[in-house]
N, C-alpha and C. Protein backbone atom coordinates (compact mmCIF):
# COMPACT_ATOMS: atom_id res chain seq x y z
N MET A 1 216.91 -21.43 121.47
CA MET A 1 215.63 -21.08 120.83
C MET A 1 215.67 -19.62 120.43
N PHE A 2 215.19 -19.34 119.24
CA PHE A 2 215.08 -17.94 118.87
C PHE A 2 213.79 -17.72 118.12
N ASN A 3 213.32 -16.49 118.23
CA ASN A 3 212.05 -16.11 117.62
C ASN A 3 212.27 -14.73 117.01
N VAL A 4 212.51 -14.69 115.70
CA VAL A 4 212.92 -13.45 115.05
C VAL A 4 212.00 -13.13 113.89
N PRO A 5 211.30 -11.98 113.92
CA PRO A 5 210.59 -11.56 112.71
C PRO A 5 211.60 -11.27 111.62
N VAL A 6 211.34 -11.75 110.43
CA VAL A 6 212.27 -11.54 109.33
C VAL A 6 211.52 -10.99 108.14
N LYS A 7 212.26 -10.35 107.31
CA LYS A 7 211.68 -9.78 106.10
C LYS A 7 212.53 -10.20 104.92
N SER A 8 211.91 -10.68 103.86
CA SER A 8 212.68 -11.13 102.70
C SER A 8 213.43 -9.96 102.11
N ASN A 9 214.79 -10.10 102.02
CA ASN A 9 215.61 -9.02 101.49
C ASN A 9 216.46 -9.46 100.32
N LEU A 10 216.13 -10.61 99.74
CA LEU A 10 216.92 -11.11 98.62
C LEU A 10 216.14 -11.10 97.32
N ARG A 11 214.91 -10.61 97.34
CA ARG A 11 214.11 -10.65 96.13
C ARG A 11 214.59 -9.63 95.11
N TRP A 12 215.33 -8.65 95.58
CA TRP A 12 215.76 -7.58 94.69
C TRP A 12 216.98 -7.96 93.87
N TRP A 13 217.71 -9.01 94.28
CA TRP A 13 219.04 -9.20 93.69
C TRP A 13 219.03 -9.58 92.22
N PRO A 14 218.06 -10.35 91.68
CA PRO A 14 218.11 -10.60 90.23
C PRO A 14 217.99 -9.31 89.42
N LEU A 15 217.09 -8.40 89.86
CA LEU A 15 216.94 -7.13 89.16
C LEU A 15 218.21 -6.30 89.30
N ALA A 16 218.83 -6.32 90.49
CA ALA A 16 220.07 -5.58 90.70
C ALA A 16 221.18 -6.11 89.80
N ALA A 17 221.24 -7.44 89.64
CA ALA A 17 222.27 -8.03 88.78
C ALA A 17 222.08 -7.62 87.33
N VAL A 18 220.83 -7.64 86.86
CA VAL A 18 220.56 -7.22 85.48
C VAL A 18 220.92 -5.75 85.29
N LEU A 19 220.57 -4.91 86.28
CA LEU A 19 220.90 -3.49 86.19
C LEU A 19 222.40 -3.27 86.19
N ALA A 20 223.13 -4.03 87.02
CA ALA A 20 224.58 -3.90 87.06
C ALA A 20 225.21 -4.29 85.73
N VAL A 21 224.74 -5.38 85.12
CA VAL A 21 225.26 -5.80 83.82
C VAL A 21 225.00 -4.71 82.78
N PHE A 22 223.81 -4.13 82.83
CA PHE A 22 223.47 -3.07 81.87
C PHE A 22 224.39 -1.87 82.04
N LEU A 23 224.62 -1.45 83.29
CA LEU A 23 225.45 -0.28 83.53
C LEU A 23 226.91 -0.53 83.18
N VAL A 24 227.40 -1.75 83.44
CA VAL A 24 228.79 -2.07 83.13
C VAL A 24 229.02 -2.06 81.61
N ASN A 25 228.05 -2.58 80.86
CA ASN A 25 228.22 -2.69 79.41
C ASN A 25 227.78 -1.44 78.65
N LEU A 26 227.07 -0.54 79.32
CA LEU A 26 226.55 0.64 78.63
C LEU A 26 227.64 1.53 78.02
N PRO A 27 228.70 1.89 78.78
CA PRO A 27 229.71 2.79 78.15
C PRO A 27 230.35 2.20 76.91
N LEU A 28 230.73 0.91 76.97
CA LEU A 28 231.37 0.30 75.80
C LEU A 28 230.39 0.19 74.64
N GLY A 29 229.15 -0.20 74.93
CA GLY A 29 228.15 -0.30 73.88
C GLY A 29 227.84 1.05 73.25
N HIS A 30 227.73 2.08 74.09
CA HIS A 30 227.45 3.42 73.57
C HIS A 30 228.60 3.92 72.72
N ALA A 31 229.83 3.69 73.19
CA ALA A 31 231.01 4.12 72.42
C ALA A 31 231.09 3.40 71.08
N ALA A 32 230.82 2.09 71.09
CA ALA A 32 230.87 1.32 69.84
C ALA A 32 229.79 1.79 68.87
N TRP A 33 228.62 2.10 69.39
CA TRP A 33 227.52 2.59 68.54
C TRP A 33 227.88 3.93 67.92
N ASN A 34 228.44 4.85 68.72
CA ASN A 34 228.83 6.16 68.18
C ASN A 34 229.99 6.03 67.19
N ASP A 35 230.93 5.13 67.46
CA ASP A 35 232.04 4.93 66.52
C ASP A 35 231.51 4.46 65.17
N ARG A 36 230.55 3.56 65.19
CA ARG A 36 229.96 3.08 63.94
C ARG A 36 229.25 4.20 63.20
N ARG A 37 228.50 5.02 63.92
CA ARG A 37 227.80 6.14 63.29
C ARG A 37 228.78 7.14 62.70
N LEU A 38 229.87 7.43 63.42
CA LEU A 38 230.87 8.35 62.91
C LEU A 38 231.57 7.78 61.69
N HIS A 39 231.82 6.49 61.73
CA HIS A 39 232.47 5.85 60.58
C HIS A 39 231.60 5.96 59.33
N ASP A 40 230.29 5.85 59.50
CA ASP A 40 229.38 5.84 58.35
C ASP A 40 228.97 7.24 57.89
N SER A 41 228.84 8.20 58.82
CA SER A 41 228.17 9.46 58.45
C SER A 41 228.92 10.72 58.85
N ALA A 42 230.13 10.63 59.37
CA ALA A 42 230.80 11.81 59.91
C ALA A 42 231.30 12.74 58.81
N VAL A 43 231.34 14.02 59.12
CA VAL A 43 232.02 15.02 58.29
C VAL A 43 233.13 15.62 59.16
N SER A 44 234.15 16.18 58.52
CA SER A 44 235.30 16.70 59.27
C SER A 44 235.41 18.21 59.08
N THR A 45 236.02 18.86 60.06
CA THR A 45 236.24 20.30 60.00
C THR A 45 237.37 20.66 60.96
N ASP A 46 237.95 21.83 60.77
CA ASP A 46 238.95 22.35 61.70
C ASP A 46 238.24 23.17 62.78
N VAL A 47 238.63 22.97 64.02
CA VAL A 47 237.99 23.67 65.13
C VAL A 47 239.04 24.49 65.88
N GLU A 48 238.56 25.41 66.72
CA GLU A 48 239.43 26.29 67.48
C GLU A 48 239.97 25.60 68.73
N VAL A 49 241.27 25.63 68.91
CA VAL A 49 241.90 25.05 70.10
C VAL A 49 241.91 26.08 71.21
N LEU A 50 241.45 25.70 72.38
CA LEU A 50 241.42 26.59 73.54
C LEU A 50 242.56 26.33 74.51
N ASP A 51 242.94 25.08 74.66
CA ASP A 51 243.99 24.75 75.62
C ASP A 51 244.61 23.41 75.26
N THR A 52 245.83 23.19 75.72
CA THR A 52 246.51 21.91 75.51
C THR A 52 247.14 21.47 76.82
N ALA A 53 247.31 20.17 76.96
CA ALA A 53 247.91 19.64 78.19
C ALA A 53 248.56 18.31 77.89
N VAL A 54 249.66 18.05 78.61
CA VAL A 54 250.36 16.77 78.51
C VAL A 54 250.31 16.11 79.88
N VAL A 55 249.86 14.86 79.91
CA VAL A 55 249.82 14.09 81.15
C VAL A 55 250.94 13.07 81.12
N GLY A 56 251.76 13.08 82.16
CA GLY A 56 252.87 12.14 82.21
C GLY A 56 253.99 12.52 81.26
N ALA A 57 254.32 13.81 81.20
CA ALA A 57 255.32 14.29 80.25
C ALA A 57 256.68 13.65 80.50
N SER A 58 256.99 13.32 81.75
CA SER A 58 258.29 12.73 82.07
C SER A 58 258.31 11.22 81.97
N SER A 59 257.20 10.63 81.62
CA SER A 59 257.12 9.17 81.54
C SER A 59 257.45 8.70 80.13
N ASP A 60 257.50 7.38 79.97
CA ASP A 60 257.78 6.81 78.65
C ASP A 60 256.56 6.85 77.73
N ASP A 61 255.40 7.10 78.30
CA ASP A 61 254.17 7.08 77.50
C ASP A 61 253.30 8.28 77.86
N PRO A 62 253.70 9.49 77.48
CA PRO A 62 252.88 10.66 77.78
C PRO A 62 251.58 10.64 76.99
N ARG A 63 250.58 11.34 77.54
CA ARG A 63 249.28 11.43 76.88
C ARG A 63 249.00 12.90 76.58
N TYR A 64 248.47 13.15 75.38
CA TYR A 64 248.28 14.51 74.90
C TYR A 64 246.78 14.82 74.79
N PHE A 65 246.41 15.96 75.37
CA PHE A 65 245.00 16.35 75.39
C PHE A 65 244.84 17.76 74.84
N VAL A 66 243.73 17.97 74.12
CA VAL A 66 243.41 19.28 73.54
C VAL A 66 241.98 19.63 73.93
N THR A 67 241.79 20.84 74.42
CA THR A 67 240.45 21.37 74.68
C THR A 67 240.08 22.30 73.54
N TRP A 68 238.89 22.10 72.97
CA TRP A 68 238.52 22.81 71.76
C TRP A 68 237.02 23.11 71.72
N ARG A 69 236.63 23.91 70.72
CA ARG A 69 235.20 24.19 70.50
C ARG A 69 234.95 24.41 69.02
N PHE A 70 233.71 24.20 68.62
CA PHE A 70 233.36 24.40 67.21
C PHE A 70 233.42 25.88 66.84
N ASN A 71 232.74 26.71 67.62
CA ASN A 71 232.80 28.16 67.38
C ASN A 71 232.40 28.88 68.66
N PRO A 72 232.75 30.14 68.82
CA PRO A 72 232.46 30.86 70.07
C PRO A 72 230.98 30.97 70.37
N ASP A 73 230.12 30.99 69.35
CA ASP A 73 228.68 31.19 69.58
C ASP A 73 228.04 29.99 70.26
N GLU A 74 228.53 28.79 69.98
CA GLU A 74 227.90 27.60 70.55
C GLU A 74 228.27 27.41 72.02
N GLY A 75 229.47 27.77 72.39
CA GLY A 75 229.84 27.72 73.79
C GLY A 75 230.26 26.35 74.32
N GLY A 76 230.00 25.29 73.57
CA GLY A 76 230.36 23.97 74.04
C GLY A 76 231.86 23.73 73.94
N ARG A 77 232.43 23.11 74.98
CA ARG A 77 233.85 22.79 74.99
C ARG A 77 234.01 21.28 75.10
N TYR A 78 235.02 20.79 74.42
CA TYR A 78 235.31 19.36 74.43
C TYR A 78 236.80 19.16 74.69
N THR A 79 237.13 18.13 75.42
CA THR A 79 238.52 17.76 75.66
C THR A 79 238.75 16.36 75.09
N SER A 80 239.75 16.23 74.23
CA SER A 80 239.99 14.97 73.53
C SER A 80 241.46 14.60 73.62
N GLN A 81 241.71 13.30 73.67
CA GLN A 81 243.09 12.83 73.59
C GLN A 81 243.48 12.71 72.11
N VAL A 82 244.68 13.19 71.77
CA VAL A 82 245.11 13.23 70.38
C VAL A 82 246.51 12.63 70.25
N THR A 83 246.94 12.48 69.00
CA THR A 83 248.28 11.98 68.72
C THR A 83 249.30 13.10 68.95
N PRO A 84 250.59 12.75 69.12
CA PRO A 84 251.62 13.78 69.26
C PRO A 84 251.64 14.76 68.08
N ARG A 85 251.43 14.26 66.86
CA ARG A 85 251.43 15.14 65.69
C ARG A 85 250.28 16.14 65.77
N ALA A 86 249.06 15.65 66.09
CA ALA A 86 247.92 16.55 66.20
C ALA A 86 248.12 17.55 67.33
N PHE A 87 248.79 17.12 68.39
CA PHE A 87 249.05 18.01 69.53
C PHE A 87 249.98 19.15 69.11
N ARG A 88 251.02 18.83 68.34
CA ARG A 88 251.95 19.87 67.88
C ARG A 88 251.24 20.88 66.99
N ILE A 89 250.39 20.39 66.09
CA ILE A 89 249.62 21.30 65.23
C ILE A 89 248.69 22.17 66.07
N ALA A 90 248.06 21.57 67.09
CA ALA A 90 247.15 22.32 67.95
C ALA A 90 247.89 23.42 68.70
N GLU A 91 249.11 23.12 69.15
CA GLU A 91 249.90 24.14 69.86
C GLU A 91 250.36 25.25 68.91
N ASP A 92 250.79 24.88 67.72
CA ASP A 92 251.36 25.87 66.80
C ASP A 92 250.29 26.65 66.06
N ALA A 93 249.32 25.96 65.48
CA ALA A 93 248.32 26.63 64.63
C ALA A 93 247.01 26.90 65.36
N ARG A 94 246.87 26.35 66.56
CA ARG A 94 245.64 26.52 67.37
C ARG A 94 244.40 26.01 66.64
N ILE A 95 244.58 24.97 65.86
CA ILE A 95 243.44 24.31 65.21
C ILE A 95 243.58 22.80 65.40
N LEU A 96 242.45 22.13 65.30
CA LEU A 96 242.40 20.68 65.41
C LEU A 96 241.35 20.15 64.45
N GLU A 97 241.71 19.12 63.71
CA GLU A 97 240.74 18.53 62.78
C GLU A 97 239.92 17.48 63.53
N VAL A 98 238.61 17.66 63.52
CA VAL A 98 237.71 16.71 64.17
C VAL A 98 236.66 16.25 63.17
N GLU A 99 236.05 15.12 63.47
CA GLU A 99 234.91 14.64 62.69
C GLU A 99 233.71 14.51 63.61
N TYR A 100 232.52 14.75 63.05
CA TYR A 100 231.32 14.80 63.88
C TYR A 100 230.10 14.45 63.02
N LEU A 101 228.99 14.19 63.70
CA LEU A 101 227.73 13.95 63.01
C LEU A 101 227.04 15.28 62.76
N PRO A 102 226.65 15.57 61.52
CA PRO A 102 226.04 16.87 61.22
C PRO A 102 224.83 17.19 62.08
N ASP A 103 224.00 16.20 62.35
CA ASP A 103 222.80 16.43 63.14
C ASP A 103 223.05 16.35 64.64
N GLU A 104 224.20 15.80 65.04
CA GLU A 104 224.54 15.68 66.46
C GLU A 104 226.01 16.03 66.64
N PRO A 105 226.36 17.28 66.61
CA PRO A 105 227.78 17.66 66.71
C PRO A 105 228.43 17.25 68.02
N GLU A 106 227.62 16.98 69.05
CA GLU A 106 228.20 16.52 70.32
C GLU A 106 228.79 15.12 70.20
N VAL A 107 228.40 14.39 69.15
CA VAL A 107 229.03 13.09 68.86
C VAL A 107 230.20 13.37 67.93
N ASN A 108 231.40 13.38 68.48
CA ASN A 108 232.56 13.81 67.71
C ASN A 108 233.81 13.11 68.22
N ARG A 109 234.91 13.29 67.49
CA ARG A 109 236.20 12.75 67.89
C ARG A 109 237.28 13.37 67.01
N PRO A 110 238.51 13.49 67.49
CA PRO A 110 239.60 14.00 66.64
C PRO A 110 239.88 13.02 65.50
N VAL A 111 240.26 13.57 64.37
CA VAL A 111 240.63 12.72 63.24
C VAL A 111 241.91 11.96 63.57
N GLU A 112 242.87 12.66 64.19
CA GLU A 112 244.11 12.00 64.61
C GLU A 112 244.03 11.74 66.11
N ARG A 113 243.73 10.52 66.45
CA ARG A 113 243.57 10.12 67.85
C ARG A 113 244.40 8.87 68.10
N PRO A 114 244.86 8.69 69.32
CA PRO A 114 245.70 7.51 69.61
C PRO A 114 244.86 6.25 69.65
N ASP A 115 245.51 5.14 69.38
CA ASP A 115 244.87 3.85 69.51
C ASP A 115 244.87 3.47 70.98
N THR A 116 243.69 3.50 71.59
CA THR A 116 243.60 3.20 73.03
C THR A 116 243.58 1.72 73.33
N GLY A 117 243.67 0.88 72.29
CA GLY A 117 243.71 -0.56 72.50
C GLY A 117 242.37 -1.10 72.98
N ASN A 118 242.46 -2.15 73.75
CA ASN A 118 241.24 -2.83 74.22
C ASN A 118 240.98 -2.59 75.69
N MET A 119 241.48 -1.45 76.22
CA MET A 119 241.32 -1.19 77.65
C MET A 119 239.85 -1.18 78.05
N GLY A 120 239.01 -0.51 77.23
CA GLY A 120 237.58 -0.49 77.57
C GLY A 120 236.98 -1.88 77.59
N LEU A 121 237.39 -2.71 76.63
CA LEU A 121 236.88 -4.08 76.58
C LEU A 121 237.36 -4.87 77.79
N VAL A 122 238.62 -4.67 78.17
CA VAL A 122 239.17 -5.38 79.33
C VAL A 122 238.43 -4.99 80.60
N ILE A 123 238.17 -3.68 80.76
CA ILE A 123 237.45 -3.22 81.94
C ILE A 123 236.03 -3.79 81.97
N THR A 124 235.39 -3.80 80.80
CA THR A 124 234.02 -4.33 80.73
C THR A 124 233.98 -5.81 81.05
N ILE A 125 234.93 -6.57 80.50
CA ILE A 125 234.99 -8.01 80.79
C ILE A 125 235.24 -8.24 82.27
N GLY A 126 236.14 -7.43 82.85
CA GLY A 126 236.40 -7.56 84.28
C GLY A 126 235.16 -7.28 85.12
N GLY A 127 234.40 -6.24 84.72
CA GLY A 127 233.17 -5.92 85.43
C GLY A 127 232.14 -7.03 85.32
N ASN A 128 232.00 -7.59 84.11
CA ASN A 128 231.05 -8.69 83.92
C ASN A 128 231.47 -9.92 84.72
N ALA A 129 232.79 -10.19 84.78
CA ALA A 129 233.28 -11.33 85.55
C ALA A 129 232.98 -11.15 87.03
N THR A 130 233.16 -9.93 87.53
CA THR A 130 232.86 -9.65 88.94
C THR A 130 231.38 -9.87 89.24
N ILE A 131 230.52 -9.39 88.33
CA ILE A 131 229.08 -9.59 88.53
C ILE A 131 228.74 -11.07 88.51
N ALA A 132 229.37 -11.82 87.58
CA ALA A 132 229.10 -13.26 87.50
C ALA A 132 229.49 -13.96 88.79
N VAL A 133 230.62 -13.57 89.37
CA VAL A 133 231.04 -14.17 90.64
C VAL A 133 230.04 -13.83 91.75
N MET A 134 229.59 -12.59 91.77
CA MET A 134 228.63 -12.17 92.79
C MET A 134 227.31 -12.93 92.65
N VAL A 135 226.84 -13.08 91.41
CA VAL A 135 225.60 -13.83 91.18
C VAL A 135 225.79 -15.29 91.60
N GLY A 136 226.95 -15.86 91.28
CA GLY A 136 227.23 -17.23 91.70
C GLY A 136 227.20 -17.38 93.21
N LEU A 137 227.78 -16.41 93.91
CA LEU A 137 227.75 -16.45 95.37
C LEU A 137 226.34 -16.32 95.91
N MET A 138 225.54 -15.45 95.28
CA MET A 138 224.15 -15.30 95.72
C MET A 138 223.38 -16.59 95.52
N LEU A 139 223.58 -17.24 94.37
CA LEU A 139 222.90 -18.51 94.13
C LEU A 139 223.34 -19.57 95.14
N TRP A 140 224.64 -19.57 95.45
CA TRP A 140 225.13 -20.52 96.45
C TRP A 140 224.52 -20.25 97.81
N VAL A 141 224.42 -18.96 98.17
CA VAL A 141 223.81 -18.61 99.46
C VAL A 141 222.35 -19.05 99.51
N ARG A 142 221.63 -18.81 98.40
CA ARG A 142 220.23 -19.21 98.37
C ARG A 142 220.08 -20.72 98.51
N ARG A 143 220.96 -21.45 97.81
CA ARG A 143 220.90 -22.91 97.91
C ARG A 143 221.27 -23.38 99.32
N ALA A 144 222.30 -22.72 99.87
CA ALA A 144 222.76 -23.13 101.20
C ALA A 144 221.74 -22.83 102.28
N THR A 145 220.87 -21.83 102.06
CA THR A 145 219.90 -21.47 103.08
C THR A 145 218.56 -22.18 102.90
N ARG A 146 218.46 -23.09 101.94
CA ARG A 146 217.24 -23.87 101.80
C ARG A 146 217.24 -25.03 102.79
N PHE A 147 216.09 -25.35 103.29
CA PHE A 147 215.98 -26.57 104.10
C PHE A 147 214.57 -27.13 103.97
N GLU A 148 214.40 -28.36 104.48
CA GLU A 148 213.11 -29.04 104.41
C GLU A 148 212.52 -29.17 105.81
N LEU A 149 211.21 -29.13 105.81
CA LEU A 149 210.46 -29.19 107.06
C LEU A 149 209.40 -30.27 106.94
N LEU A 150 209.39 -31.22 107.87
CA LEU A 150 208.36 -32.26 107.90
C LEU A 150 207.23 -31.77 108.78
N ALA A 151 206.08 -31.49 108.15
CA ALA A 151 204.97 -30.86 108.86
C ALA A 151 204.45 -31.76 109.98
N THR A 152 204.12 -31.13 111.11
CA THR A 152 203.49 -31.83 112.23
C THR A 152 202.05 -31.38 112.42
N THR A 153 201.63 -30.35 111.67
CA THR A 153 200.24 -29.88 111.68
C THR A 153 199.89 -29.45 110.26
N ASP A 154 198.62 -29.18 110.04
CA ASP A 154 198.20 -28.62 108.75
C ASP A 154 198.78 -27.22 108.58
N VAL A 155 199.02 -26.85 107.34
CA VAL A 155 199.42 -25.47 107.04
C VAL A 155 198.19 -24.58 107.18
N VAL A 156 198.35 -23.43 107.85
CA VAL A 156 197.20 -22.55 108.10
C VAL A 156 197.51 -21.15 107.58
N ARG A 157 196.47 -20.40 107.34
CA ARG A 157 196.62 -19.03 106.86
C ARG A 157 197.10 -18.13 107.99
N CYS A 158 197.88 -17.11 107.64
CA CYS A 158 198.34 -16.14 108.63
C CYS A 158 198.55 -14.80 107.94
N LYS A 159 198.96 -13.81 108.71
CA LYS A 159 199.22 -12.47 108.18
C LYS A 159 200.71 -12.16 108.32
N PRO A 160 201.22 -11.24 107.49
CA PRO A 160 202.61 -10.79 107.66
C PRO A 160 202.78 -10.18 109.06
N PRO A 161 203.98 -10.04 109.59
CA PRO A 161 205.26 -10.20 108.89
C PRO A 161 205.73 -11.65 108.89
N GLU A 162 206.79 -11.89 108.12
CA GLU A 162 207.39 -13.21 108.11
C GLU A 162 208.03 -13.50 109.47
N LEU A 163 208.09 -14.80 109.79
CA LEU A 163 208.61 -15.21 111.09
C LEU A 163 209.29 -16.55 110.95
N LEU A 164 210.44 -16.70 111.61
CA LEU A 164 211.12 -17.98 111.65
C LEU A 164 211.55 -18.24 113.08
N ARG A 165 211.03 -19.32 113.68
CA ARG A 165 211.37 -19.67 115.05
C ARG A 165 211.85 -21.11 115.08
N GLU A 166 213.05 -21.30 115.58
CA GLU A 166 213.63 -22.63 115.64
C GLU A 166 213.99 -22.95 117.09
N ASP A 167 213.65 -24.16 117.49
CA ASP A 167 214.02 -24.67 118.81
C ASP A 167 214.52 -26.09 118.59
N GLY A 168 215.84 -26.21 118.33
CA GLY A 168 216.36 -27.51 117.93
C GLY A 168 215.85 -27.84 116.55
N ASP A 169 215.21 -29.01 116.43
CA ASP A 169 214.63 -29.42 115.15
C ASP A 169 213.21 -28.92 114.98
N GLU A 170 212.60 -28.36 116.03
CA GLU A 170 211.23 -27.87 115.95
C GLU A 170 211.23 -26.48 115.34
N VAL A 171 210.40 -26.30 114.30
CA VAL A 171 210.38 -25.04 113.56
C VAL A 171 208.95 -24.54 113.40
N VAL A 172 208.79 -23.25 113.61
CA VAL A 172 207.55 -22.56 113.26
C VAL A 172 207.95 -21.44 112.29
N MET A 173 207.33 -21.41 111.14
CA MET A 173 207.67 -20.38 110.18
C MET A 173 206.42 -19.82 109.52
N ARG A 174 206.48 -18.53 109.22
CA ARG A 174 205.43 -17.84 108.50
C ARG A 174 206.06 -17.17 107.29
N GLY A 175 205.45 -17.37 106.15
CA GLY A 175 205.99 -16.79 104.93
C GLY A 175 205.01 -16.91 103.79
N GLU A 176 205.48 -16.56 102.60
CA GLU A 176 204.63 -16.58 101.42
C GLU A 176 204.74 -17.91 100.70
N VAL A 177 203.62 -18.42 100.25
CA VAL A 177 203.59 -19.69 99.51
C VAL A 177 204.11 -19.43 98.09
N ALA A 178 205.22 -20.09 97.75
CA ALA A 178 205.83 -19.90 96.44
C ALA A 178 205.42 -20.98 95.45
N GLU A 179 205.28 -22.21 95.93
CA GLU A 179 204.90 -23.34 95.07
C GLU A 179 203.95 -24.24 95.83
N VAL A 180 202.96 -24.77 95.12
CA VAL A 180 201.99 -25.68 95.73
C VAL A 180 202.03 -27.00 94.97
N HIS A 181 202.27 -28.11 95.68
CA HIS A 181 202.29 -29.45 95.11
C HIS A 181 201.40 -30.35 95.94
N ASP A 182 201.14 -31.56 95.43
CA ASP A 182 200.25 -32.47 96.13
C ASP A 182 200.81 -32.91 97.48
N ASP A 183 202.12 -33.17 97.51
CA ASP A 183 202.71 -33.72 98.73
C ASP A 183 203.60 -32.75 99.48
N HIS A 184 203.81 -31.56 98.95
CA HIS A 184 204.64 -30.58 99.64
C HIS A 184 204.32 -29.18 99.14
N VAL A 185 204.76 -28.18 99.89
CA VAL A 185 204.58 -26.79 99.53
C VAL A 185 205.91 -26.07 99.79
N VAL A 186 206.26 -25.16 98.90
CA VAL A 186 207.48 -24.39 99.08
C VAL A 186 207.09 -22.98 99.52
N MET A 187 207.71 -22.54 100.63
CA MET A 187 207.42 -21.22 101.18
C MET A 187 208.71 -20.41 101.25
N THR A 188 208.58 -19.10 101.18
CA THR A 188 209.73 -18.22 101.31
C THR A 188 209.63 -17.46 102.62
N CYS A 189 210.79 -17.32 103.27
CA CYS A 189 210.83 -16.62 104.55
C CYS A 189 212.22 -16.04 104.74
N GLY A 190 212.33 -14.74 104.76
CA GLY A 190 213.61 -14.10 104.98
C GLY A 190 214.65 -14.44 103.94
N GLY A 191 214.23 -14.61 102.70
CA GLY A 191 215.16 -14.96 101.64
C GLY A 191 215.40 -16.45 101.52
N ARG A 192 214.90 -17.25 102.44
CA ARG A 192 215.04 -18.71 102.37
C ARG A 192 213.85 -19.32 101.63
N ARG A 193 214.12 -20.44 101.00
CA ARG A 193 213.06 -21.24 100.39
C ARG A 193 212.95 -22.53 101.20
N ILE A 194 211.84 -22.69 101.85
CA ILE A 194 211.64 -23.80 102.78
C ILE A 194 210.60 -24.74 102.22
N THR A 195 210.99 -25.99 102.02
CA THR A 195 210.07 -27.01 101.51
C THR A 195 209.38 -27.68 102.70
N VAL A 196 208.06 -27.56 102.72
CA VAL A 196 207.27 -28.17 103.79
C VAL A 196 206.70 -29.48 103.26
N ILE A 197 207.19 -30.60 103.76
CA ILE A 197 206.69 -31.92 103.37
C ILE A 197 205.43 -32.19 104.17
N LEU A 198 204.30 -32.36 103.48
CA LEU A 198 203.01 -32.41 104.15
C LEU A 198 202.76 -33.73 104.86
N GLY A 199 203.19 -34.84 104.28
CA GLY A 199 202.88 -36.14 104.89
C GLY A 199 201.37 -36.36 104.96
N GLU A 200 200.88 -36.57 106.16
CA GLU A 200 199.44 -36.80 106.36
C GLU A 200 198.67 -35.51 106.55
N HIS A 201 199.36 -34.40 106.50
CA HIS A 201 198.70 -33.11 106.72
C HIS A 201 198.37 -32.44 105.38
N VAL A 202 197.62 -31.34 105.44
CA VAL A 202 197.13 -30.71 104.22
C VAL A 202 197.56 -29.25 104.17
N ASN A 203 197.52 -28.71 102.95
CA ASN A 203 197.80 -27.29 102.74
C ASN A 203 196.64 -26.68 101.95
N PRO A 204 195.77 -25.93 102.63
CA PRO A 204 194.65 -25.30 101.91
C PRO A 204 194.98 -23.90 101.39
N ILE A 205 196.22 -23.46 101.55
CA ILE A 205 196.59 -22.09 101.21
C ILE A 205 197.08 -22.01 99.78
N GLY A 206 196.63 -21.00 99.07
CA GLY A 206 196.99 -20.86 97.66
C GLY A 206 198.32 -20.15 97.45
N HIS A 207 198.70 -20.08 96.19
CA HIS A 207 199.96 -19.48 95.78
C HIS A 207 200.00 -17.99 96.10
N GLN A 208 201.16 -17.51 96.58
CA GLN A 208 201.42 -16.11 96.90
C GLN A 208 200.56 -15.60 98.04
N GLN A 209 200.15 -16.49 98.92
CA GLN A 209 199.45 -16.10 100.13
C GLN A 209 200.30 -16.44 101.34
N TYR A 210 200.08 -15.74 102.42
CA TYR A 210 200.86 -15.98 103.63
C TYR A 210 200.28 -17.16 104.40
N ALA A 211 201.20 -17.99 104.89
CA ALA A 211 200.79 -19.19 105.60
C ALA A 211 201.77 -19.46 106.74
N GLU A 212 201.30 -20.26 107.70
CA GLU A 212 202.14 -20.69 108.81
C GLU A 212 202.28 -22.21 108.76
N ALA A 213 203.51 -22.67 108.91
CA ALA A 213 203.77 -24.10 108.92
C ALA A 213 204.56 -24.43 110.17
N ARG A 214 204.26 -25.61 110.75
CA ARG A 214 204.97 -26.10 111.93
C ARG A 214 205.46 -27.51 111.62
N GLY A 215 206.67 -27.79 112.09
CA GLY A 215 207.18 -29.14 111.84
C GLY A 215 208.58 -29.31 112.39
N ARG A 216 209.21 -30.41 111.93
CA ARG A 216 210.56 -30.74 112.35
C ARG A 216 211.50 -30.56 111.16
N ARG A 217 212.62 -29.96 111.41
CA ARG A 217 213.60 -29.74 110.35
C ARG A 217 214.25 -31.06 109.94
N VAL A 218 214.28 -31.30 108.66
CA VAL A 218 214.86 -32.53 108.12
C VAL A 218 216.36 -32.30 107.95
N ARG A 219 217.17 -33.14 108.59
CA ARG A 219 218.63 -32.99 108.51
C ARG A 219 219.19 -33.75 107.32
């Protein structure tokens, strides 16, 4: 026998899943939106190179980076990955050709940049797949934690907190009324959805109100 006050802690997960999907897709969506804007409205100019760096110089696929700024007065610095040709020009002439939005110079990119492939898309798809698996597991858990209760008394009003007490098949539970039907009522308790089959008993409690139900667990 156990008697444990419980608090519903699963109501947040649909909102969390939507937020996670938004955050996973935001970088790729933002990058695609800026790429489209640059494609349609960008102007190009030569900028001052401040520093250069090679990552993985001894590997078969080194990556070339240039740190640059529009002009000394603005103070903003940007670091961009560029092609080997643009890197050589940046080292020799200390200039780099970039394109940017006239009204938003912070939206910019080098004219000569490497093709990064679909890595961002692959990462985004992987993130979405992970979220889908997590949501599937949550739905499975919710389904697995549902059970039915055959009422042995009328459903009565009560106050929080939620409570679930089981002694074999005998159950006493307190929770919020989620659904009201003629022959049964669905209540939530600790993240579980419990269907209370009324039989000859009654439920005078309305939707989204706290109630107590007593009965036998249906196997």
